[in-house]
Amino acid sequence: MSLPEIKEWHVETLRLTIFSLEPISAVGRGWWKAVTKMEPETALNRPSAGEYSESGEFLGGQFELRATFNRVDWSLSFPFSDLPGAPRSDDLEVLTAKWLLVLGAWLDGIDFRVARVAAGAVFVKKVKSVPVGNNLISDFLHFVNINEDSEIADLMVQVNSPTFFDSMKSLTHNRIAKVGVLERQLITIGPAGFPTAASDIVFRCELDMSSSLSNSETIPASSLKVLFKEMVDAYLLILKDGMTDDKI
């Protein structure tokens, strides 16, 4: 078995996270409108908890900005994106280009000190059976050997393959891959009010790229967009080739 082509993966979530060296607030900054060129559909401010969020539709999916204390998260999600009637994302390469463009521009305008950057993504692919999915884990993580006749169920493997960023040789680049085989069930209510259940089995790949958690120095503002692109390029390469032996 070989790894799926890029076009066979369905995007479940894309994420960018920024950690500041100081408390920040997203209230009144207009970040959402600056990125989307639209007003958010919903906004929620919880000052007592230090939380603020804005959300709405963007790039064909559910787009959310969430700020908490010293952390800012941007996420784009397509829940059940490969099921009939569910919203589907653009082609992965097209969507990635748009994702890098709009959030790269936001990173260029950051006016606070950043200590850590993280980029994550969740992808899924339908498989015929649990054993087929388990074999795909062996192909994805070349150092994991699962017997083809194995009856193992609910298998999930996580590995971190740290390296250094090309653009900042002193900064650690953590590359976490978490893969597993899951059974999903979706219940729909028909016109007559009767529920119908449909289930399938998917290979789920969660990729989390990030700079070092222990870094306490300010990352130069001019480097943020470059680091973001390096992380996105890294998780796309892992998605395409798997976590090969020369990366561990």
Protein backbone atom coordinates (compact mmCIF):
# COMPACT_ATOMS: atom_id res chain seq x y z
CA MET A 1 0.00 0.00 0.00
CA SER A 2 1.19 3.54 -0.68
CA LEU A 3 0.20 6.88 0.76
CA PRO A 4 -2.81 8.69 -0.74
CA GLU A 5 -2.22 11.49 -3.21
CA ILE A 6 -2.66 15.01 -1.84
CA LYS A 7 -5.97 15.41 -3.68
CA GLU A 8 -7.45 12.38 -1.87
CA TRP A 9 -7.28 13.99 1.57
CA HIS A 10 -10.21 15.93 2.98
CA VAL A 11 -9.48 18.98 5.11
CA GLU A 12 -11.13 18.92 8.51
CA THR A 13 -9.28 21.81 10.14
CA LEU A 14 -6.50 24.33 9.48
CA ARG A 15 -5.08 26.35 12.38
CA LEU A 16 -2.61 29.14 13.15
CA THR A 17 -1.72 29.94 16.76
CA ILE A 18 0.38 32.80 18.14
CA PHE A 19 1.66 33.09 21.72
CA SER A 20 2.55 36.56 22.98
CA LEU A 21 5.05 37.51 25.67
CA GLU A 22 2.43 39.80 27.18
CA PRO A 23 -1.35 39.81 27.71
CA ILE A 24 -3.22 40.93 24.60
CA SER A 25 -6.82 41.73 23.72
CA ALA A 26 -8.47 41.32 20.31
CA VAL A 27 -11.40 43.58 21.24
CA GLY A 28 -11.72 46.51 18.87
CA ARG A 29 -8.66 45.59 16.79
CA GLY A 30 -10.63 44.72 13.67
CA TRP A 31 -8.53 41.65 12.94
CA TRP A 32 -11.42 39.60 11.57
CA LYS A 33 -12.48 42.28 9.09
CA ALA A 34 -8.88 42.93 8.07
CA VAL A 35 -8.43 39.24 7.17
CA THR A 36 -11.82 38.45 5.63
CA LYS A 37 -12.90 41.90 4.36
CA MET A 38 -16.27 41.12 5.97
CA GLU A 39 -17.98 41.60 9.31
CA PRO A 40 -18.10 38.51 11.58
CA GLU A 41 -21.42 36.71 11.89
CA THR A 42 -20.96 36.33 15.65
CA ALA A 43 -18.78 37.96 18.29
CA LEU A 44 -18.42 36.93 21.92
CA ASN A 45 -16.62 38.90 24.62
CA ARG A 46 -16.06 37.42 28.08
CA PRO A 47 -13.85 39.95 29.94
CA SER A 48 -14.00 38.05 33.22
CA ALA A 49 -12.43 35.03 31.54
CA GLY A 50 -10.15 37.05 29.28
CA GLU A 51 -11.73 35.53 26.17
CA TYR A 52 -12.86 37.06 22.91
CA SER A 53 -13.98 35.36 19.71
CA GLU A 54 -15.38 36.19 16.30
CA SER A 55 -16.66 33.66 13.77
CA GLY A 56 -18.42 33.26 10.47
CA GLU A 57 -18.11 31.72 7.03
CA PHE A 58 -14.91 32.26 5.07
CA LEU A 59 -13.04 30.30 2.39
CA GLY A 60 -16.02 27.96 2.23
CA GLY A 61 -15.75 26.79 5.84
CA GLN A 62 -16.34 27.90 9.43
CA PHE A 63 -13.70 30.49 10.29
CA GLU A 64 -12.96 31.52 13.88
CA LEU A 65 -10.72 34.00 15.65
CA ARG A 66 -10.23 33.29 19.36
CA ALA A 67 -8.04 35.28 21.73
CA THR A 68 -7.34 34.21 25.31
CA PHE A 69 -4.88 36.04 27.58
CA ASN A 70 -1.62 35.76 25.56
CA ARG A 71 -2.82 33.39 22.83
CA VAL A 72 -4.50 34.02 19.47
CA ASP A 73 -5.99 31.18 17.42
CA TRP A 74 -7.26 31.30 13.87
CA SER A 75 -9.05 28.15 12.70
CA LEU A 76 -10.85 27.10 9.54
CA SER A 77 -12.96 23.96 9.80
CA PHE A 78 -14.96 21.73 7.48
CA PRO A 79 -16.69 19.21 9.78
CA PHE A 80 -17.58 15.95 8.01
CA SER A 81 -16.26 17.54 4.83
CA ASP A 82 -16.34 14.29 2.86
CA LEU A 83 -19.93 13.31 3.69
CA PRO A 84 -22.81 13.95 1.25
CA GLY A 85 -24.28 17.44 1.56
CA ALA A 86 -21.49 18.77 3.81
CA PRO A 87 -19.46 21.85 2.81
CA ARG A 88 -16.28 20.92 0.97
CA SER A 89 -13.04 22.85 0.92
CA ASP A 90 -11.16 23.95 -2.17
CA ASP A 91 -8.46 21.71 -3.57
CA LEU A 92 -5.87 21.42 -0.79
CA GLU A 93 -3.13 23.25 -2.67
CA VAL A 94 -5.51 26.09 -3.63
CA LEU A 95 -6.85 26.36 -0.09
CA THR A 96 -3.32 26.34 1.34
CA ALA A 97 -2.27 29.20 -0.93
CA LYS A 98 -5.26 31.29 0.24
CA TRP A 99 -4.60 30.36 3.89
CA LEU A 100 -0.98 31.48 3.66
CA LEU A 101 -1.91 34.69 1.88
CA VAL A 102 -4.61 36.00 4.23
CA LEU A 103 -2.94 35.03 7.51
CA GLY A 104 0.53 35.90 6.28
CA ALA A 105 -0.73 39.44 5.76
CA TRP A 106 -2.12 39.47 9.33
CA LEU A 107 1.22 38.27 10.72
CA ASP A 108 2.97 41.14 8.93
CA GLY A 109 0.84 43.61 10.90
CA ILE A 110 1.32 42.19 14.41
CA ASP A 111 2.22 44.89 16.92
CA PHE A 112 2.98 42.78 19.99
CA ARG A 113 5.91 40.58 20.99
CA VAL A 114 5.58 36.94 19.92
CA ALA A 115 7.40 34.06 21.61
CA ARG A 116 5.89 31.06 19.83
CA VAL A 117 4.13 30.21 16.56
CA ALA A 118 2.22 27.04 15.71
CA ALA A 119 0.47 25.80 12.59
CA GLY A 120 -1.76 22.75 12.61
CA ALA A 121 -4.03 20.78 10.34
CA VAL A 122 -6.33 17.78 10.51
CA PHE A 123 -6.94 15.64 7.44
CA VAL A 124 -9.09 12.55 6.94
CA LYS A 125 -9.41 9.86 4.30
CA LYS A 126 -11.99 7.12 4.08
CA VAL A 127 -10.68 3.54 4.19
CA LYS A 128 -12.43 0.24 3.51
CA SER A 129 -11.72 -1.36 6.87
CA VAL A 130 -9.79 -1.03 10.13
CA PRO A 131 -6.97 -3.38 8.93
CA VAL A 132 -6.59 -1.29 5.76
CA GLY A 133 -6.32 1.83 7.92
CA ASN A 134 -3.79 0.16 10.22
CA ASN A 135 -1.65 -0.74 7.21
CA LEU A 136 -1.82 2.89 6.14
CA ILE A 137 -0.37 3.85 9.55
CA SER A 138 2.62 1.63 8.76
CA ASP A 139 3.05 3.41 5.42
CA PHE A 140 2.68 6.84 7.00
CA LEU A 141 5.05 6.17 9.91
CA HIS A 142 7.74 4.11 8.21
CA PHE A 143 9.20 2.97 11.53
CA VAL A 144 5.89 1.42 12.73
CA ASN A 145 5.35 -2.17 11.61
CA ILE A 146 1.80 -3.50 11.91
CA ASN A 147 1.14 -7.06 10.77
CA GLU A 148 -1.32 -7.19 7.87
CA ASP A 149 -3.38 -9.82 9.69
CA SER A 150 -3.49 -7.87 12.94
CA GLU A 151 -6.90 -7.49 14.61
CA ILE A 152 -5.81 -4.33 16.47
CA ALA A 153 -8.63 -1.78 16.76
CA ASP A 154 -8.67 1.86 17.93
CA LEU A 155 -5.01 2.33 17.09
CA MET A 156 -3.50 5.81 17.42
CA VAL A 157 0.19 6.73 17.20
CA GLN A 158 1.86 10.07 17.94
CA VAL A 159 5.44 11.08 17.22
CA ASN A 160 7.43 14.31 17.35
CA SER A 161 10.29 14.77 14.88
CA PRO A 162 12.03 18.00 15.97
CA THR A 163 14.48 19.85 13.76
CA PHE A 164 15.40 23.53 13.28
CA PHE A 165 13.81 26.17 11.10
CA ASP A 166 15.72 27.03 7.93
CA SER A 167 15.04 30.74 8.43
CA MET A 168 16.02 30.71 12.13
CA LYS A 169 18.67 28.09 12.76
CA SER A 170 18.58 28.67 16.52
CA LEU A 171 14.84 28.00 16.86
CA THR A 172 13.56 24.45 17.33
CA HIS A 173 10.84 23.31 14.93
CA ASN A 174 8.66 20.66 16.58
CA ARG A 175 6.81 18.46 14.07
CA ILE A 176 4.13 16.31 15.65
CA ALA A 177 2.15 13.75 13.68
CA LYS A 178 -0.78 11.96 15.31
CA VAL A 179 -2.43 9.30 13.15
CA GLY A 180 -5.21 6.84 13.87
CA VAL A 181 -8.10 4.84 12.48
CA LEU A 182 -11.58 5.85 13.59
CA GLU A 183 -15.15 4.82 12.94
CA ARG A 184 -17.53 7.73 12.43
CA GLN A 185 -21.30 7.74 12.71
CA LEU A 186 -23.65 10.37 11.40
CA ILE A 187 -27.35 10.41 12.27
CA THR A 188 -29.73 12.37 10.04
CA ILE A 189 -33.42 13.04 10.43
CA GLY A 190 -35.44 12.41 7.27
CA PRO A 191 -38.54 14.30 6.04
CA ALA A 192 -40.80 11.92 7.95
CA GLY A 193 -38.88 12.48 11.18
CA PHE A 194 -37.20 9.06 11.23
CA PRO A 195 -33.48 8.96 12.07
CA THR A 196 -31.06 7.31 9.69
CA ALA A 197 -27.57 6.30 10.77
CA ALA A 198 -24.61 6.10 8.42
CA SER A 199 -21.10 5.08 9.44
CA ASP A 200 -17.70 4.84 7.83
CA ILE A 201 -14.08 4.25 8.76
CA VAL A 202 -11.46 6.93 8.26
CA PHE A 203 -7.75 7.37 8.59
CA ARG A 204 -7.26 10.61 10.57
CA CYS A 205 -4.03 12.57 10.40
CA GLU A 206 -3.45 15.42 12.84
CA LEU A 207 -0.31 17.47 12.20
CA ASP A 208 0.99 20.11 14.61
CA MET A 209 4.05 22.17 13.72
CA SER A 210 5.39 24.69 16.24
CA SER A 211 8.37 26.64 17.45
CA SER A 212 9.90 25.73 20.78
CA LEU A 213 7.72 25.96 23.88
CA SER A 214 10.74 26.94 25.97
CA ASN A 215 11.64 29.97 23.87
CA SER A 216 11.35 33.19 25.87
CA GLU A 217 12.92 35.55 23.35
CA THR A 218 10.93 37.75 20.99
CA ILE A 219 10.69 36.29 17.51
CA PRO A 220 11.41 39.09 15.00
CA ALA A 221 8.16 40.33 13.44
CA SER A 222 9.72 40.02 9.99
CA SER A 223 10.21 36.27 10.58
CA LEU A 224 6.66 35.34 11.57
CA LYS A 225 5.25 34.90 8.06
CA VAL A 226 8.34 32.97 6.96
CA LEU A 227 8.07 30.61 9.94
CA PHE A 228 4.36 30.12 9.24
CA LYS A 229 5.10 29.10 5.66
CA GLU A 230 7.87 26.74 6.76
CA MET A 231 5.45 24.99 9.12
CA VAL A 232 2.72 24.69 6.49
CA ASP A 233 5.24 23.38 3.96
CA ALA A 234 6.44 20.87 6.57
CA TYR A 235 3.01 19.41 7.31
CA LEU A 236 2.17 19.18 3.61
CA LEU A 237 5.43 17.31 2.99
CA ILE A 238 4.67 14.90 5.83
CA LEU A 239 1.16 14.42 4.46
CA LYS A 240 2.63 13.57 1.07
CA ASP A 241 5.61 11.42 2.07
CA GLY A 242 4.87 10.34 5.64
CA MET A 243 7.29 10.63 8.54
CA THR A 244 10.28 9.01 6.87
CA ASP A 245 13.26 7.50 8.67
CA ASP A 246 15.54 10.42 7.83
CA LYS A 247 13.19 12.77 9.70
CA ILE A 248 13.34 11.04 13.09
